[in-house]
Amino acid sequence: MNNTDSLSIPMTMGDWVLIMESVSSRLKEIDSIDTDSTDDDVMADLYTDQQNLKGLLGYIKIEFKKEYGALPE
């Protein structure tokens, strides 16, 4: 059975940092979208993506801190 108590995909610390930076970048892009000029269906999809990415980023940060002791600056 897989261990789900940590970062179960073996990658280097740098790889995990790149993933966190990429997810953070995408969240910033979503935050910068002009909601007044965007279709409601598109906004609903973006909201769902945003919530999923926030959850993923939070999980990775918690597990990263457990594994490496601190988050990158």
C-alpha atoms as a PDB file:
ATOM      1  CA  MET A   1       0.000   0.000   0.000  1.00  0.00           C
ATOM      2  CA  ASN A   2       1.243   3.518  -0.787  1.00  0.00           C
ATOM      3  CA  ASN A   3       2.291   5.851   1.990  1.00  0.00           C
ATOM      4  CA  THR A   4      -0.052   8.852   1.853  1.00  0.00           C
ATOM      5  CA  ASP A   5       1.452  10.598   4.892  1.00  0.00           C
ATOM      6  CA  SER A   6       4.070  12.480   2.872  1.00  0.00           C
ATOM      7  CA  LEU A   7       5.076  13.626  -0.583  1.00  0.00           C
ATOM      8  CA  SER A   8       4.651  10.225  -2.168  1.00  0.00           C
ATOM      9  CA  ILE A   9       6.053  11.122  -5.581  1.00  0.00           C
ATOM     10  CA  PRO A  10       9.852  10.933  -5.358  1.00  0.00           C
ATOM     11  CA  MET A  11      11.271  14.222  -6.611  1.00  0.00           C
ATOM     12  CA  THR A  12      13.984  16.588  -5.482  1.00  0.00           C
ATOM     13  CA  MET A  13      13.280  19.534  -3.231  1.00  0.00           C
ATOM     14  CA  GLY A  14      13.831  21.811  -6.221  1.00  0.00           C
ATOM     15  CA  ASP A  15      11.165  20.007  -8.235  1.00  0.00           C
ATOM     16  CA  TRP A  16       8.632  20.508  -5.449  1.00  0.00           C
ATOM     17  CA  VAL A  17       9.570  24.203  -5.235  1.00  0.00           C
ATOM     18  CA  LEU A  18       9.000  24.581  -8.985  1.00  0.00           C
ATOM     19  CA  ILE A  19       5.578  22.959  -8.660  1.00  0.00           C
ATOM     20  CA  MET A  20       4.628  25.314  -5.820  1.00  0.00           C
ATOM     21  CA  GLU A  21       5.816  28.323  -7.824  1.00  0.00           C
ATOM     22  CA  SER A  22       3.880  27.182 -10.891  1.00  0.00           C
ATOM     23  CA  VAL A  23       0.660  26.688  -8.938  1.00  0.00           C
ATOM     24  CA  SER A  24       1.126  30.068  -7.221  1.00  0.00           C
ATOM     25  CA  SER A  25       1.695  31.705 -10.598  1.00  0.00           C
ATOM     26  CA  ARG A  26      -1.502  30.213 -12.005  1.00  0.00           C
ATOM     27  CA  LEU A  27      -3.440  31.400  -8.945  1.00  0.00           C
ATOM     28  CA  LYS A  28      -2.112  34.931  -9.517  1.00  0.00           C
ATOM     29  CA  GLU A  29      -3.218  34.740 -13.159  1.00  0.00           C
ATOM     30  CA  ILE A  30      -6.719  33.695 -12.126  1.00  0.00           C
ATOM     31  CA  ASP A  31      -6.870  36.503  -9.541  1.00  0.00           C
ATOM     32  CA  SER A  32      -5.936  39.066 -12.196  1.00  0.00           C
ATOM     33  CA  ILE A  33      -8.772  38.156 -14.600  1.00  0.00           C
ATOM     34  CA  ASP A  34     -11.303  40.936 -15.131  1.00  0.00           C
ATOM     35  CA  THR A  35     -14.524  39.391 -13.853  1.00  0.00           C
ATOM     36  CA  ASP A  36     -16.721  42.021 -15.510  1.00  0.00           C
ATOM     37  CA  SER A  37     -15.568  41.133 -19.013  1.00  0.00           C
ATOM     38  CA  THR A  38     -15.535  37.351 -18.578  1.00  0.00           C
ATOM     39  CA  ASP A  39     -18.403  34.971 -19.246  1.00  0.00           C
ATOM     40  CA  ASP A  40     -20.147  33.579 -16.145  1.00  0.00           C
ATOM     41  CA  ASP A  41     -19.550  29.961 -17.192  1.00  0.00           C
ATOM     42  CA  VAL A  42     -15.846  30.650 -17.663  1.00  0.00           C
ATOM     43  CA  MET A  43     -15.710  32.356 -14.274  1.00  0.00           C
ATOM     44  CA  ALA A  44     -17.403  29.362 -12.652  1.00  0.00           C
ATOM     45  CA  ASP A  45     -14.784  27.053 -14.176  1.00  0.00           C
ATOM     46  CA  LEU A  46     -11.975  29.361 -13.062  1.00  0.00           C
ATOM     47  CA  TYR A  47     -13.406  29.493  -9.551  1.00  0.00           C
ATOM     48  CA  THR A  48     -13.408  25.695  -9.406  1.00  0.00           C
ATOM     49  CA  ASP A  49      -9.837  25.599 -10.721  1.00  0.00           C
ATOM     50  CA  GLN A  50      -8.825  28.224  -8.175  1.00  0.00           C
ATOM     51  CA  GLN A  51     -10.277  26.278  -5.260  1.00  0.00           C
ATOM     52  CA  ASN A  52      -8.650  23.045  -6.416  1.00  0.00           C
ATOM     53  CA  LEU A  53      -5.277  24.741  -6.872  1.00  0.00           C
ATOM     54  CA  LYS A  54      -5.473  26.383  -3.449  1.00  0.00           C
ATOM     55  CA  GLY A  55      -6.166  22.990  -1.891  1.00  0.00           C
ATOM     56  CA  LEU A  56      -3.320  21.379  -3.808  1.00  0.00           C
ATOM     57  CA  LEU A  57      -0.890  24.148  -2.903  1.00  0.00           C
ATOM     58  CA  GLY A  58      -1.869  23.969   0.747  1.00  0.00           C
ATOM     59  CA  TYR A  59      -1.373  20.198   0.796  1.00  0.00           C
ATOM     60  CA  ILE A  60       2.017  20.406  -0.915  1.00  0.00           C
ATOM     61  CA  LYS A  61       3.189  23.135   1.475  1.00  0.00           C
ATOM     62  CA  ILE A  62       2.212  21.103   4.532  1.00  0.00           C
ATOM     63  CA  GLU A  63       3.871  17.957   3.230  1.00  0.00           C
ATOM     64  CA  PHE A  64       6.932  19.875   2.021  1.00  0.00           C
ATOM     65  CA  LYS A  65       7.377  21.366   5.491  1.00  0.00           C
ATOM     66  CA  LYS A  66       7.080  17.890   7.052  1.00  0.00           C
ATOM     67  CA  GLU A  67       9.633  16.469   4.621  1.00  0.00           C
ATOM     68  CA  TYR A  68      12.189  19.300   4.479  1.00  0.00           C
ATOM     69  CA  GLY A  69      11.534  21.249   7.691  1.00  0.00           C
ATOM     70  CA  ALA A  70      10.748  24.634   6.180  1.00  0.00           C
ATOM     71  CA  LEU A  71       9.133  26.280   3.195  1.00  0.00           C
ATOM     72  CA  PRO A  72      11.331  28.024   0.632  1.00  0.00           C
ATOM     73  CA  GLU A  73      11.567  31.802   0.863  1.00  0.00           C
END
